[in-house]
């Protein structure tokens, strides 16, 4: 929680910083010539880098929070499944308890019927005995002596014996039935009690799982709130990054515009319009575009649309204005301006030249237009700066300018690429 709060404060700080920069892109804002400096642009880029770092940090935190949420949801689903299984078991137990209720009721009815039958049989036996007692004990003898023959005597004796045995057996069977039914009922009641205990235990387990489910649900809600907060911050940071990127582009455009006709600190004017500031080839060793072999490049190449004006970097005298031939054929249409400090500048591959040899030009005068004459692979300006005839790196005279280099890895600031 503490780390998350720290992260939020840092991110909100960057959001505030980005908000302070938004006026750069707001409608109706006009930058004064001194309003934007390269240092300010670099500061904006530094802020953009910090913002990207914070966004990445928030995305990682969001990913972790989402993983926690998914894990909690999976655990909740598992508990819900366990609750469902327990509920099914409880339902089965309830059915068994209901079945035992029915069986116990049936056994109770059987027991009551057996008890009633025993009572009836015992009552019948008692009435018979009472009748015999009322007639006197001689009644047995009367039955025997009333026999007309010995065979009749034996039959009467057997009849009396069978009546007594039958009564005893009926009563004994009824007593056994009562015992069996009572035992069955007791067993059913015991089984029912066991089922009731099992139900109680399952209900307790269900309640425990439900409590855990509620805890996890609360955790999921808390994580979801964190997720929503982080997603909102990510969205705000995305917008802030877009605004900051727009601010950087706006500042670079304004900066390029305000220095388009302003000499660099070295006194050299950029020889092309301010927005034409991306190099395709640098000064020094490189792979020759025609032969593919390593070869020293004597200047810098700046791609531009055909007909783009080319300006004199410094005031001076045009010492060369020709379509190259012989040793200078590779330059195509080119102009050389000599300056009073012993330096000279060369502008090559022009589509057409706007000055003549011997003509005096001022800094910023158009000396020609971009083309692809001579040894060239496309419309661009080949630009050289020479000191006493010796070629030097032109970029040395534009270190305070926002320039870019486009290579195989994409377009990057020249000064970052040269580090």
Protein backbone atom coordinates (compact mmCIF):
# COMPACT_ATOMS: atom_id res chain seq x y z
CA UNK A 1 0.00 0.00 0.00
CA UNK A 2 2.83 2.36 0.85
CA UNK A 3 4.61 1.71 -2.47
CA UNK A 4 1.38 2.20 -4.37
CA UNK A 5 0.79 5.56 -2.65
CA UNK A 6 4.32 6.65 -3.51
CA UNK A 7 3.80 5.60 -7.12
CA UNK A 8 0.54 7.53 -7.33
CA UNK A 9 2.14 10.67 -5.92
CA UNK A 10 5.02 10.47 -8.40
CA UNK A 11 2.68 9.90 -11.33
CA UNK A 12 0.40 12.73 -10.25
CA UNK A 13 3.44 14.97 -10.03
CA UNK A 14 4.24 14.23 -13.65
CA UNK A 15 0.63 14.79 -14.62
CA UNK A 16 0.81 18.23 -13.02
CA UNK A 17 4.06 18.94 -14.84
CA UNK A 18 2.47 17.89 -18.12
CA UNK A 19 -0.54 20.06 -17.39
CA UNK A 20 1.74 23.05 -16.91
CA UNK A 21 3.19 22.39 -20.35
CA UNK A 22 -0.16 22.13 -22.11
CA UNK A 23 -0.38 25.87 -22.87
CA UNK A 24 2.30 25.22 -25.48
CA UNK A 25 -0.30 23.35 -27.51
CA UNK A 26 -3.34 25.38 -26.56
CA UNK A 27 -5.33 27.29 -29.17
CA UNK A 28 -4.41 30.87 -29.78
CA UNK A 29 -0.98 30.63 -28.19
CA UNK A 30 1.75 32.45 -30.09
CA UNK A 31 5.35 31.87 -29.08
CA UNK A 32 7.60 34.86 -29.09
CA UNK A 33 10.95 34.54 -30.82
CA UNK A 34 12.65 34.11 -27.46
CA UNK A 35 9.90 31.91 -25.94
CA UNK A 36 11.41 28.56 -26.92
CA UNK A 37 15.01 27.47 -26.56
CA UNK A 38 16.74 24.21 -27.30
CA UNK A 39 17.24 23.76 -23.55
CA UNK A 40 13.50 24.04 -23.03
CA UNK A 41 12.86 21.48 -25.75
CA UNK A 42 15.40 19.16 -24.14
CA UNK A 43 13.63 19.68 -20.81
CA UNK A 44 10.32 18.75 -22.42
CA UNK A 45 11.89 15.60 -23.85
CA UNK A 46 13.27 14.77 -20.43
CA UNK A 47 9.79 15.15 -18.98
CA UNK A 48 8.43 12.90 -21.73
CA UNK A 49 11.02 10.28 -20.85
CA UNK A 50 10.10 10.50 -17.16
CA UNK A 51 6.43 10.27 -18.07
CA UNK A 52 7.08 7.15 -20.16
CA UNK A 53 8.97 5.63 -17.23
CA UNK A 54 6.09 6.35 -14.86
CA UNK A 55 3.60 4.94 -17.36
CA UNK A 56 5.65 1.75 -17.63
CA UNK A 57 5.79 1.51 -13.84
CA UNK A 58 2.01 1.92 -13.60
CA UNK A 59 1.48 -0.65 -16.36
CA UNK A 60 3.64 -3.15 -14.45
CA UNK A 61 1.71 -2.41 -11.26
CA UNK A 62 -1.57 -2.75 -13.16
CA UNK A 63 -0.41 -6.09 -14.58
CA UNK A 64 0.43 -7.32 -11.07
CA UNK A 65 -2.93 -6.11 -9.70
CA UNK A 66 -4.78 -7.81 -12.55
CA UNK A 67 -2.86 -11.03 -11.84
CA UNK A 68 -3.89 -10.79 -8.17
CA UNK A 69 -7.48 -10.19 -9.21
CA UNK A 70 -7.49 -13.18 -11.57
CA UNK A 71 -6.02 -15.37 -8.82
CA UNK A 72 -8.68 -14.17 -6.36
CA UNK A 73 -11.45 -14.77 -8.89
CA UNK A 74 -10.12 -18.29 -9.54
CA UNK A 75 -10.05 -18.97 -5.79
CA UNK A 76 -13.59 -17.61 -5.43
CA UNK A 77 -14.81 -19.82 -8.27
CA UNK A 78 -13.16 -22.84 -6.61
CA UNK A 79 -14.90 -22.03 -3.31
CA UNK A 80 -18.22 -21.55 -5.11
CA UNK A 81 -17.74 -25.00 -6.68
CA UNK A 82 -16.99 -26.47 -3.24
CA UNK A 83 -20.09 -24.77 -1.82
CA UNK A 84 -22.17 -26.23 -4.66
CA UNK A 85 -20.82 -29.71 -3.90
CA UNK A 86 -21.53 -29.30 -0.19
CA UNK A 87 -25.03 -28.04 -0.95
CA UNK A 88 -25.62 -31.09 -3.13
CA UNK A 89 -24.47 -33.27 -0.23
CA UNK A 90 -26.76 -31.37 2.15
CA UNK A 91 -29.67 -31.87 -0.25
CA UNK A 92 -28.88 -35.60 -0.41
CA UNK A 93 -28.74 -35.76 3.39
CA UNK A 94 -32.07 -33.94 3.63
CA UNK A 95 -33.58 -36.51 1.27
CA UNK A 96 -32.18 -39.33 3.39
CA UNK A 97 -33.50 -37.68 6.56
CA UNK A 98 -36.93 -37.34 4.94
CA UNK A 99 -36.74 -41.00 3.92
CA UNK A 100 -35.84 -41.96 7.50
CA UNK A 101 -38.75 -39.87 8.75
CA UNK A 102 -41.07 -41.89 6.51
CA UNK A 103 -39.51 -45.23 7.47
CA UNK A 104 -39.60 -44.36 11.17
CA UNK A 105 -43.24 -43.38 10.83
CA UNK A 106 -43.97 -46.66 9.05
CA UNK A 107 -42.10 -48.64 11.72
CA UNK A 108 -43.97 -46.72 14.39
CA UNK A 109 -47.24 -47.68 12.75
CA UNK A 110 -46.07 -51.31 12.51
CA UNK A 111 -45.09 -51.21 16.17
CA UNK A 112 -48.44 -49.76 17.17
CA UNK A 113 -50.24 -52.42 15.08
CA UNK A 114 -48.12 -55.20 16.62
CA UNK A 115 -48.79 -53.88 20.10
CA UNK A 116 -52.52 -53.69 19.29
CA UNK A 117 -52.49 -57.24 17.86
CA UNK A 118 -50.66 -58.53 20.93
CA UNK A 119 -53.09 -56.77 23.20
CA UNK A 120 -56.06 -58.19 21.28
CA UNK A 121 -54.60 -61.70 21.30
CA UNK A 122 -53.75 -61.42 24.96
CA UNK A 123 -57.27 -60.14 25.66
CA UNK A 124 -58.72 -63.12 23.75
CA UNK A 125 -56.52 -65.47 25.73
CA UNK A 126 -57.55 -63.82 28.96
CA UNK A 127 -61.25 -64.04 28.06
CA UNK A 128 -60.88 -67.71 27.24
CA UNK A 129 -59.10 -68.33 30.52
CA UNK A 130 -61.72 -66.26 32.35
CA UNK A 131 -64.53 -68.25 30.72
CA UNK A 132 -62.83 -71.45 31.74
CA UNK A 133 -62.39 -70.20 35.31
CA UNK A 134 -66.06 -69.22 35.44
CA UNK A 135 -67.01 -72.74 34.33
CA UNK A 136 -64.59 -74.24 36.78
CA UNK A 137 -61.45 -76.26 36.32
CA UNK A 138 -63.52 -79.39 35.70
CA UNK A 139 -64.45 -78.03 32.33
CA UNK A 140 -61.24 -79.49 30.93
CA UNK A 141 -62.17 -82.83 32.47
CA UNK A 142 -65.70 -82.45 31.24
CA UNK A 143 -64.41 -82.02 27.75
CA UNK A 144 -62.24 -85.08 28.14
CA UNK A 145 -64.87 -87.26 29.89
CA UNK A 146 -67.51 -86.19 27.47
CA UNK A 147 -65.56 -88.05 24.84
CA UNK A 148 -67.49 -90.99 23.47
CA UNK A 149 -64.42 -93.05 22.78
CA UNK A 150 -60.72 -93.20 23.50
CA UNK A 151 -60.04 -91.81 20.08
CA UNK A 152 -62.45 -88.98 20.74
CA UNK A 153 -60.67 -88.43 24.05
CA UNK A 154 -57.31 -88.11 22.36
CA UNK A 155 -58.75 -85.74 19.78
CA UNK A 156 -60.24 -83.54 22.46
CA UNK A 157 -56.99 -83.53 24.41
CA UNK A 158 -55.01 -82.61 21.31
CA UNK A 159 -57.48 -79.84 20.52
CA UNK A 160 -57.09 -78.33 23.98
CA UNK A 161 -53.28 -78.62 23.72
CA UNK A 162 -53.25 -76.99 20.28
CA UNK A 163 -55.42 -74.10 21.50
CA UNK A 164 -53.02 -73.42 24.35
CA UNK A 165 -49.92 -73.76 22.09
CA UNK A 166 -51.50 -71.52 19.47
CA UNK A 167 -52.23 -68.81 22.01
CA UNK A 168 -48.68 -69.04 23.34
CA UNK A 169 -47.19 -68.95 19.83
CA UNK A 170 -49.29 -65.98 18.75
CA UNK A 171 -48.31 -64.04 21.82
CA UNK A 172 -44.64 -65.05 21.39
CA UNK A 173 -44.66 -64.07 17.69
CA UNK A 174 -46.27 -60.75 18.51
CA UNK A 175 -43.67 -60.08 21.20
CA UNK A 176 -40.87 -60.97 18.73
CA UNK A 177 -42.45 -58.69 16.12
CA UNK A 178 -42.61 -55.86 18.65
CA UNK A 179 -38.96 -56.41 19.53
CA UNK A 180 -37.90 -56.49 15.88
CA UNK A 181 -39.93 -53.42 14.97
CA UNK A 182 -38.62 -51.56 18.02
CA UNK A 183 -35.05 -52.46 17.07
CA UNK A 184 -35.63 -51.40 13.45
CA UNK A 185 -37.14 -48.13 14.60
CA UNK A 186 -34.24 -47.52 16.97
CA UNK A 187 -31.74 -48.27 14.18
CA UNK A 188 -33.55 -45.87 11.85
CA UNK A 189 -33.62 -43.19 14.52
CA UNK A 190 -29.89 -43.70 15.12
CA UNK A 191 -29.18 -43.49 11.37
CA UNK A 192 -31.36 -40.40 11.17
CA UNK A 193 -29.44 -38.83 14.05
CA UNK A 194 -26.18 -39.58 12.22
CA UNK A 195 -27.55 -37.91 9.10
CA UNK A 196 -28.64 -34.90 11.15
CA UNK A 197 -25.10 -34.65 12.54
CA UNK A 198 -23.64 -34.99 9.04
CA UNK A 199 -25.99 -32.26 7.87
CA UNK A 200 -24.91 -30.04 10.77
CA UNK A 201 -21.25 -30.59 9.88
CA UNK A 202 -21.87 -29.87 6.19
CA UNK A 203 -23.82 -26.73 7.07
CA UNK A 204 -20.90 -25.62 9.24
CA UNK A 205 -18.43 -26.32 6.41
CA UNK A 206 -20.69 -24.43 4.02
CA UNK A 207 -20.86 -21.47 6.40
CA UNK A 208 -17.06 -21.46 6.71
CA UNK A 209 -16.63 -21.54 2.93
CA UNK A 210 -19.24 -18.81 2.55
CA UNK A 211 -17.29 -16.65 5.01
CA UNK A 212 -14.11 -17.25 2.98
CA UNK A 213 -16.04 -16.44 -0.21
CA UNK A 214 -17.23 -13.16 1.31
CA UNK A 215 -13.64 -12.29 2.31
CA UNK A 216 -12.39 -13.02 -1.21
CA UNK A 217 -15.26 -11.05 -2.72
CA UNK A 218 -14.28 -8.08 -0.54
CA UNK A 219 -10.66 -8.54 -1.66
CA UNK A 220 -11.75 -8.65 -5.31
CA UNK A 221 -13.68 -5.40 -4.84
CA UNK A 222 -10.62 -3.79 -3.25
CA UNK A 223 -8.37 -5.02 -6.06
CA UNK A 224 -10.91 -3.87 -8.65
CA UNK A 225 -10.86 -0.41 -7.09
CA UNK A 226 -7.05 -0.39 -7.35
CA UNK A 227 -7.32 -1.63 -10.94
CA UNK A 228 -9.80 1.13 -11.81
CA UNK A 229 -7.55 3.72 -10.19
CA UNK A 230 -4.47 2.49 -12.04
CA UNK A 231 -6.35 2.28 -15.35
CA UNK A 232 -7.58 5.83 -14.84
CA UNK A 233 -4.03 6.95 -14.11
CA UNK A 234 -2.74 5.08 -17.15
CA UNK A 235 -5.36 6.80 -19.28
CA UNK A 236 -4.45 10.18 -17.83
CA UNK A 237 -0.76 9.50 -18.39
CA UNK A 238 -1.47 8.43 -21.97
CA UNK A 239 -3.27 11.71 -22.55
CA UNK A 240 -0.52 13.63 -20.78
CA UNK A 241 2.07 11.88 -22.97
CA UNK A 242 0.11 12.82 -26.09
CA UNK A 243 -0.17 16.40 -24.89
CA UNK A 244 3.52 16.49 -24.05
CA UNK A 245 4.44 15.01 -27.42
CA UNK A 246 2.28 17.64 -29.09
CA UNK A 247 3.95 20.29 -26.96
CA UNK A 248 7.39 19.05 -28.02
CA UNK A 249 6.44 19.06 -31.70
CA UNK A 250 4.90 22.49 -31.30
CA UNK A 251 7.99 23.80 -29.53
CA UNK A 252 10.32 22.28 -32.13
CA UNK A 253 8.27 23.79 -34.92
CA UNK A 254 8.27 27.20 -33.25
CA UNK A 255 11.95 26.89 -32.48
CA UNK A 256 12.75 25.92 -36.07
CA UNK A 257 10.63 28.81 -37.33
CA UNK A 258 12.15 31.39 -35.04
CA UNK A 259 15.72 30.40 -35.91
CA UNK A 260 15.07 29.76 -39.60
CA UNK A 261 16.61 33.09 -40.53
CA UNK A 262 18.75 33.55 -37.46
CA UNK A 263 22.42 32.62 -37.63
CA UNK A 264 23.74 30.05 -35.23
CA UNK A 265 26.03 31.07 -32.39
CA UNK A 266 28.92 30.47 -34.77
CA UNK A 267 27.44 33.02 -37.17
CA UNK A 268 26.31 30.49 -39.80
CA UNK A 269 22.75 30.48 -41.09
CA UNK A 270 21.13 27.12 -41.81
CA UNK A 271 21.13 26.90 -45.63
CA UNK A 272 17.57 25.53 -45.93
CA UNK A 273 14.14 26.44 -44.53
CA UNK A 274 13.89 25.79 -40.80
CA UNK A 275 11.62 22.78 -41.14
CA UNK A 276 14.06 21.05 -43.50
CA UNK A 277 16.41 19.79 -40.81
CA UNK A 278 16.86 16.01 -41.21
CA UNK A 279 20.17 14.63 -42.51
CA UNK A 280 20.42 11.50 -44.62
CA UNK A 281 24.22 11.37 -44.61
CA UNK A 282 26.85 12.78 -42.29
CA UNK A 283 30.42 14.04 -42.66
CA UNK A 284 33.22 11.49 -42.60
CA UNK A 285 33.60 7.80 -43.51
CA UNK A 286 30.49 6.12 -44.90
CA UNK A 287 29.41 3.45 -47.39
CA UNK A 288 29.34 4.92 -50.89
CA UNK A 289 25.71 4.71 -52.17
CA UNK A 290 26.96 3.79 -55.67
CA UNK A 291 29.82 1.37 -55.03
CA UNK A 292 28.93 0.15 -51.55
CA UNK A 293 32.56 0.63 -50.50
CA UNK A 294 33.83 2.76 -47.61
CA UNK A 295 34.54 6.32 -48.69
CA UNK A 296 35.00 9.66 -46.96
CA UNK A 297 32.02 12.00 -47.28
CA UNK A 298 33.13 15.64 -47.51
CA UNK A 299 29.95 17.27 -46.22
CA UNK A 300 26.42 16.57 -45.05
CA UNK A 301 23.37 15.62 -47.14
CA UNK A 302 19.97 17.10 -46.35
CA UNK A 303 17.02 15.71 -48.35
CA UNK A 304 14.47 18.29 -49.51
CA UNK A 305 11.79 18.68 -52.15
CA UNK A 306 12.96 19.70 -55.61
CA UNK A 307 12.98 23.48 -55.91
CA UNK A 308 13.40 24.16 -52.17
CA UNK A 309 15.37 27.44 -51.82
CA UNK A 310 18.98 27.27 -50.67
CA UNK A 311 20.31 30.22 -48.64
CA UNK A 312 23.82 31.65 -48.26
CA UNK A 313 25.07 30.61 -44.84
CA UNK A 314 27.17 33.78 -44.54
CA UNK A 315 27.74 36.92 -46.54
CA UNK A 316 30.49 36.74 -49.12
CA UNK A 317 31.46 36.58 -52.79
CA UNK A 318 30.37 33.83 -55.18
CA UNK A 319 33.62 32.29 -56.38
CA UNK A 320 32.03 29.33 -58.22
CA UNK A 321 28.65 28.94 -59.94
CA UNK A 322 28.81 26.15 -62.51
CA UNK A 323 27.44 22.83 -63.67
CA UNK A 324 30.23 20.54 -62.56
CA UNK A 325 32.46 18.82 -65.10
CA UNK A 326 35.66 16.88 -64.95
CA UNK A 327 36.79 16.61 -61.34
CA UNK A 328 33.80 18.60 -60.13
CA UNK A 329 31.24 16.64 -62.16
CA UNK A 330 29.96 14.85 -59.09
CA UNK A 331 28.72 18.15 -57.60
CA UNK A 332 26.38 18.83 -60.52
CA UNK A 333 25.02 22.37 -60.36
CA UNK A 334 26.92 23.91 -57.45
CA UNK A 335 27.85 27.23 -55.90
CA UNK A 336 30.80 28.19 -53.69
CA UNK A 337 30.66 31.36 -51.57
CA UNK A 338 33.89 32.68 -50.05
CA UNK A 339 33.65 34.59 -46.79
CA UNK A 340 35.90 37.27 -45.33
CA UNK A 341 37.12 35.08 -42.45
CA UNK A 342 38.88 32.60 -44.75
CA UNK A 343 36.04 30.13 -44.81
CA UNK A 344 33.88 29.11 -47.74
CA UNK A 345 30.62 27.19 -48.16
CA UNK A 346 29.62 24.87 -51.01
CA UNK A 347 26.07 24.04 -52.10
CA UNK A 348 25.81 21.11 -54.54
CA UNK A 349 23.39 19.02 -56.67
CA UNK A 350 21.19 22.08 -57.30
CA UNK A 351 18.34 21.88 -59.74
CA UNK A 352 19.25 25.44 -60.75
CA UNK A 353 21.59 28.23 -59.60
CA UNK A 354 20.37 31.72 -58.62
CA UNK A 355 23.74 33.57 -58.51
CA UNK A 356 26.69 34.16 -60.80
CA UNK A 357 30.41 34.01 -60.21
CA UNK A 358 31.73 37.27 -58.76
CA UNK A 359 28.35 38.25 -57.33
CA UNK A 360 28.28 39.57 -53.76
CA UNK A 361 25.62 37.89 -51.60
CA UNK A 362 24.33 38.61 -48.17
CA UNK A 363 23.62 36.03 -45.52
CA UNK A 364 20.19 34.53 -46.27
CA UNK A 365 20.20 35.36 -50.00
CA UNK A 366 18.93 32.54 -52.23
CA UNK A 367 21.87 31.02 -54.10
CA UNK A 368 19.97 28.18 -55.81
CA UNK A 369 17.33 25.49 -55.54
CA UNK A 370 17.44 21.86 -54.41
CA UNK A 371 17.80 19.22 -57.12
CA UNK A 372 19.59 15.96 -57.94
CA UNK A 373 22.20 16.87 -60.55
CA UNK A 374 25.64 15.28 -60.68
CA UNK A 375 26.46 12.15 -58.72
CA UNK A 376 23.24 12.02 -56.72
CA UNK A 377 20.62 9.45 -55.77
CA UNK A 378 17.77 11.90 -55.13
CA UNK A 379 16.79 15.50 -54.42
CA UNK A 380 18.97 16.85 -51.62
CA UNK A 381 21.50 19.50 -50.70
CA UNK A 382 25.13 18.47 -50.33
CA UNK A 383 26.59 21.13 -48.02
CA UNK A 384 30.24 21.73 -47.16
CA UNK A 385 32.10 24.19 -44.95
CA UNK A 386 35.78 24.74 -45.76
CA UNK A 387 38.50 26.51 -43.80
CA UNK A 388 41.25 27.75 -46.07
CA UNK A 389 40.10 25.16 -48.59
CA UNK A 390 40.10 22.28 -46.10
CA UNK A 391 36.78 20.54 -45.65
CA UNK A 392 35.39 20.35 -42.09
CA UNK A 393 32.27 18.91 -40.49
CA UNK A 394 29.46 21.44 -41.10
CA UNK A 395 27.66 20.27 -37.95
CA UNK A 396 30.38 21.95 -35.88
CA UNK A 397 28.75 25.27 -36.82
CA UNK A 398 25.18 24.30 -35.85
CA UNK A 399 25.50 22.75 -32.41
CA UNK A 400 22.75 24.96 -31.02
CA UNK A 401 20.27 23.87 -33.68
CA UNK A 402 17.65 21.11 -33.53
CA UNK A 403 18.76 18.73 -36.28
CA UNK A 404 17.91 15.10 -36.95
CA UNK A 405 19.44 12.11 -38.66
CA UNK A 406 17.43 9.48 -40.52
CA UNK A 407 19.17 6.13 -40.74
CA UNK A 408 18.23 2.45 -40.82
CA UNK A 409 17.15 2.64 -37.19
CA UNK A 410 14.73 5.51 -37.74
CA UNK A 411 14.94 9.25 -37.18
CA UNK A 412 16.80 10.47 -34.09
CA UNK A 413 18.19 13.81 -32.91
CA UNK A 414 21.63 14.34 -34.43
CA UNK A 415 23.23 15.14 -31.12
CA UNK A 416 21.81 12.01 -29.48
CA UNK A 417 22.97 9.91 -32.42
CA UNK A 418 26.49 11.38 -32.27
CA UNK A 419 26.95 10.62 -28.57
